[in-house]
Amino acid sequence: MGGDGARAALIVRILYLNPNATEAMTESVVSVARAAVPGVDVLGWTNHDGPPAIQGAEDGAAAVRGLMALLPEARAARADAIVIACFDDTGLATLRAAAHCPVVGIGQAAMSLAALQGDRFGIVTTLDVSVPVIAANVEAYGHGRACVGVLASGLPVLEVEAGGEEVEARLLESIAQSERAGAGAVVLGCAGMSRLRESLAGRSRVPLVDGVRASAHLACALA
């Protein structure tokens, strides 16, 4: 194989699977991931059989079948790692057992990184309905003692994705509340918050951990 072919063969390909059917969220996630790992081939696919947003266990369950249907295409596309682009880590265990490559959830990636940044961390998410799913994941991943709590901002997923000053102000209030509860770092508990991280970080007193960026680096390491 020639030099150019050898270099091409070394390029890592990460595939982000968006469990919900909102294309704009897929595009946003891919943009953030590409900026986080330059030189990596980052793809993003949307689960068009999923709900418009994943808000709670019922939405998550409704998305799994569509995600599983994308696995043969992921193999054909030669993905080196798959990332579930929902903080609930929708269908993580099921996809991990069936996929041809490593599968990472942005929630698990963010919590793992946050646990390395300080003794304790908090999670700021969207609606109350999302809290039980995320809280269960915190325990399942072994972060029960490190996590000060999962706090709902009261913002729906698609409202977070739309962004704006009012959205950021609400998130900053929740971040400050998590800090007061003892968090040394705060995890942004929704994929739609990823593109807001830079703006929020400039006005936050604690480090903010974004699962899209964290998963991009961890996926490269696994691949």
Protein backbone atom coordinates (compact mmCIF):
# COMPACT_ATOMS: atom_id res chain seq x y z
CA MET A 1 0.00 0.00 0.00
CA GLY A 2 1.32 3.48 -0.87
CA GLY A 3 1.96 6.24 1.62
CA ASP A 4 -1.32 8.03 0.94
CA GLY A 5 -3.26 4.78 1.31
CA ALA A 6 -1.55 3.99 4.61
CA ARG A 7 -2.41 7.40 6.03
CA ALA A 8 -6.03 7.03 4.90
CA ALA A 9 -6.26 3.65 6.59
CA LEU A 10 -5.27 5.22 9.92
CA ILE A 11 -8.09 7.76 9.98
CA VAL A 12 -10.59 6.99 12.74
CA ARG A 13 -14.26 7.09 11.80
CA ILE A 14 -16.74 7.90 14.56
CA LEU A 15 -20.46 7.60 13.94
CA TYR A 16 -22.86 9.62 16.10
CA LEU A 17 -26.36 8.14 16.19
CA ASN A 18 -29.03 10.62 17.21
CA PRO A 19 -31.89 8.64 18.82
CA ASN A 20 -34.42 11.37 18.08
CA ALA A 21 -35.75 12.41 14.68
CA THR A 22 -34.61 16.05 14.78
CA GLU A 23 -32.00 16.57 12.06
CA ALA A 24 -30.87 19.92 13.49
CA MET A 25 -29.68 18.19 16.66
CA THR A 26 -27.67 15.69 14.64
CA GLU A 27 -26.00 18.49 12.72
CA SER A 28 -25.24 20.40 15.92
CA VAL A 29 -23.69 17.35 17.59
CA VAL A 30 -21.54 16.55 14.56
CA SER A 31 -20.29 20.13 14.39
CA VAL A 32 -19.20 20.06 18.04
CA ALA A 33 -17.56 16.64 17.70
CA ARG A 34 -15.63 17.60 14.58
CA ALA A 35 -14.25 20.67 16.34
CA ALA A 36 -13.24 18.53 19.33
CA VAL A 37 -11.25 15.96 17.33
CA PRO A 38 -9.84 17.55 14.14
CA GLY A 39 -8.62 15.04 11.62
CA VAL A 40 -11.14 12.40 12.69
CA ASP A 41 -13.87 11.35 10.26
CA VAL A 42 -17.07 12.19 12.18
CA LEU A 43 -20.42 11.08 10.76
CA GLY A 44 -23.89 11.77 12.11
CA TRP A 45 -27.07 9.83 11.41
CA THR A 46 -30.61 10.60 12.55
CA ASN A 47 -33.07 7.99 13.78
CA HIS A 48 -36.08 9.01 11.70
CA ASP A 49 -38.16 6.34 13.44
CA GLY A 50 -37.60 7.98 16.82
CA PRO A 51 -39.60 10.68 18.62
CA PRO A 52 -38.75 14.36 17.97
CA ALA A 53 -36.96 14.49 21.33
CA ILE A 54 -35.96 12.01 24.01
CA GLN A 55 -37.67 13.15 27.19
CA GLY A 56 -38.01 10.32 29.65
CA ALA A 57 -37.99 6.53 29.58
CA GLU A 58 -40.97 6.17 27.25
CA ASP A 59 -39.35 8.22 24.49
CA GLY A 60 -36.11 6.31 24.97
CA ALA A 61 -37.82 2.95 24.61
CA ALA A 62 -39.53 4.14 21.44
CA ALA A 63 -36.17 5.03 19.89
CA VAL A 64 -34.29 1.76 20.35
CA ARG A 65 -35.80 -0.16 17.45
CA GLY A 66 -34.80 2.55 14.97
CA LEU A 67 -31.28 2.71 16.40
CA MET A 68 -30.85 -1.05 16.09
CA ALA A 69 -31.96 -0.88 12.47
CA LEU A 70 -29.01 1.42 11.73
CA LEU A 71 -26.35 -1.04 12.93
CA PRO A 72 -25.96 -2.95 9.63
CA GLU A 73 -25.42 0.37 7.84
CA ALA A 74 -22.88 1.34 10.50
CA ARG A 75 -20.93 -1.84 9.81
CA ALA A 76 -21.08 -1.20 6.06
CA ALA A 77 -19.83 2.35 6.65
CA ARG A 78 -16.87 0.90 8.57
CA ALA A 79 -17.45 2.92 11.70
CA ASP A 80 -14.62 2.40 14.19
CA ALA A 81 -16.81 3.53 17.09
CA ILE A 82 -20.45 4.48 17.58
CA VAL A 83 -21.62 7.22 19.92
CA ILE A 84 -25.22 7.51 21.13
CA ALA A 85 -25.96 11.23 20.92
CA CYS A 86 -28.45 11.43 23.78
CA PHE A 87 -27.52 12.05 27.39
CA ASP A 88 -29.89 9.27 28.50
CA ASP A 89 -27.56 6.86 26.65
CA THR A 90 -30.63 5.50 24.92
CA GLY A 91 -30.30 1.79 24.16
CA LEU A 92 -26.62 1.72 25.15
CA ALA A 93 -26.49 -1.83 26.51
CA THR A 94 -28.58 -3.21 23.65
CA LEU A 95 -26.52 -1.54 20.93
CA ARG A 96 -23.23 -2.35 22.63
CA ALA A 97 -24.12 -6.05 22.66
CA ALA A 98 -25.06 -6.07 18.97
CA ALA A 99 -22.64 -3.64 17.31
CA HIS A 100 -19.48 -4.61 15.44
CA CYS A 101 -17.44 -1.89 17.20
CA PRO A 102 -17.25 -0.08 20.55
CA VAL A 103 -20.36 1.92 21.53
CA VAL A 104 -20.16 4.97 23.79
CA GLY A 105 -22.96 7.04 25.31
CA ILE A 106 -22.45 10.77 25.74
CA GLY A 107 -23.87 10.51 29.26
CA GLN A 108 -21.42 7.86 30.39
CA ALA A 109 -18.54 9.68 28.70
CA ALA A 110 -19.38 12.97 30.41
CA MET A 111 -19.76 11.40 33.85
CA SER A 112 -16.46 9.55 33.47
CA LEU A 113 -14.64 12.77 32.60
CA ALA A 114 -16.39 14.77 35.33
CA ALA A 115 -15.34 12.20 37.93
CA LEU A 116 -11.73 12.92 37.01
CA GLN A 117 -12.12 16.70 37.39
CA GLY A 118 -13.06 16.88 41.03
CA ASP A 119 -14.32 15.00 44.04
CA ARG A 120 -17.97 15.64 43.22
CA PHE A 121 -19.98 16.67 40.19
CA GLY A 122 -23.55 17.65 39.40
CA ILE A 123 -25.70 17.16 36.31
CA VAL A 124 -28.01 19.79 34.81
CA THR A 125 -30.59 18.37 32.43
CA THR A 126 -33.86 19.40 30.78
CA LEU A 127 -37.20 18.31 32.29
CA ASP A 128 -38.13 16.44 35.46
CA VAL A 129 -39.17 13.43 33.39
CA SER A 130 -35.53 12.92 32.37
CA VAL A 131 -34.19 12.87 35.93
CA PRO A 132 -35.06 9.24 36.87
CA VAL A 133 -33.36 7.81 33.75
CA ILE A 134 -30.19 9.82 34.30
CA ALA A 135 -30.15 9.15 38.03
CA ALA A 136 -30.39 5.41 37.35
CA ASN A 137 -27.46 5.68 34.93
CA VAL A 138 -25.41 7.53 37.56
CA GLU A 139 -25.82 4.55 39.90
CA ALA A 140 -25.27 1.97 37.16
CA TYR A 141 -22.00 3.62 36.14
CA GLY A 142 -20.75 3.68 39.72
CA HIS A 143 -20.91 7.45 40.29
CA GLY A 144 -23.54 7.48 43.02
CA ARG A 145 -21.19 8.84 45.68
CA ALA A 146 -19.54 11.38 43.40
CA CYS A 147 -22.72 12.90 41.96
CA VAL A 148 -24.39 15.58 44.09
CA GLY A 149 -27.60 15.21 42.11
CA VAL A 150 -29.40 15.51 38.77
CA LEU A 151 -31.10 18.88 38.46
CA ALA A 152 -33.86 19.64 35.93
CA SER A 153 -33.67 23.13 34.41
CA GLY A 154 -37.30 23.00 33.30
CA LEU A 155 -36.31 23.52 29.65
CA PRO A 156 -37.60 21.09 27.00
CA VAL A 157 -34.96 19.48 24.76
CA LEU A 158 -35.92 21.34 21.59
CA GLU A 159 -35.99 24.66 23.45
CA VAL A 160 -32.44 24.00 24.62
CA GLU A 161 -31.45 23.18 21.07
CA ALA A 162 -32.89 26.48 19.85
CA GLY A 163 -30.72 28.32 22.39
CA GLY A 164 -30.90 32.03 23.12
CA GLU A 165 -30.17 34.28 26.08
CA GLU A 166 -33.19 33.17 28.14
CA VAL A 167 -32.20 29.52 27.74
CA GLU A 168 -28.61 30.23 28.76
CA ALA A 169 -29.75 32.29 31.75
CA ARG A 170 -31.92 29.42 32.97
CA LEU A 171 -29.08 26.95 32.55
CA LEU A 172 -26.66 29.21 34.40
CA GLU A 173 -29.11 29.38 37.32
CA SER A 174 -29.23 25.58 37.45
CA ILE A 175 -25.44 25.33 37.17
CA ALA A 176 -25.06 27.74 40.10
CA GLN A 177 -27.57 25.72 42.10
CA SER A 178 -25.58 22.55 41.44
CA GLU A 179 -22.41 24.33 42.55
CA ARG A 180 -24.10 25.38 45.80
CA ALA A 181 -24.98 21.72 46.36
CA GLY A 182 -21.27 20.92 46.37
CA ALA A 183 -20.44 20.22 42.73
CA GLY A 184 -16.84 20.90 41.72
CA ALA A 185 -17.79 20.35 38.08
CA VAL A 186 -21.14 20.35 36.30
CA VAL A 187 -22.14 18.04 33.49
CA LEU A 188 -24.39 19.43 30.77
CA GLY A 189 -27.03 16.72 30.63
CA CYS A 190 -28.44 17.12 27.13
CA ALA A 191 -26.88 16.87 23.67
CA GLY A 192 -28.53 20.17 22.79
CA MET A 193 -26.43 21.92 25.43
CA SER A 194 -23.18 20.98 23.70
CA ARG A 195 -22.97 23.97 21.41
CA LEU A 196 -23.81 26.29 24.32
CA ARG A 197 -20.91 25.09 26.46
CA GLU A 198 -18.38 27.71 25.40
CA SER A 199 -20.75 30.58 26.13
CA LEU A 200 -21.89 29.07 29.43
CA ALA A 201 -18.33 28.26 30.53
CA GLY A 202 -17.36 31.90 30.22
CA ARG A 203 -19.99 32.79 32.83
CA SER A 204 -19.70 29.79 35.13
CA ARG A 205 -17.50 29.47 38.23
CA VAL A 206 -17.09 25.70 37.85
CA PRO A 207 -15.81 23.57 34.95
CA LEU A 208 -18.55 22.42 32.57
CA VAL A 209 -18.35 18.96 31.01
CA ASP A 210 -20.02 18.29 27.68
CA GLY A 211 -20.75 14.70 26.66
CA VAL A 212 -20.29 15.24 22.93
CA ARG A 213 -16.71 16.44 23.36
CA ALA A 214 -15.97 13.82 26.01
CA SER A 215 -17.38 11.01 23.86
CA ALA A 216 -15.40 12.12 20.82
CA HIS A 217 -12.11 11.73 22.70
CA LEU A 218 -13.12 8.48 24.39
CA ALA A 219 -14.38 7.01 21.11
CA CYS A 220 -11.03 7.78 19.49
CA ALA A 221 -9.23 6.07 22.35
CA LEU A 222 -11.43 2.97 22.07
CA ALA A 223 -11.11 2.87 18.28
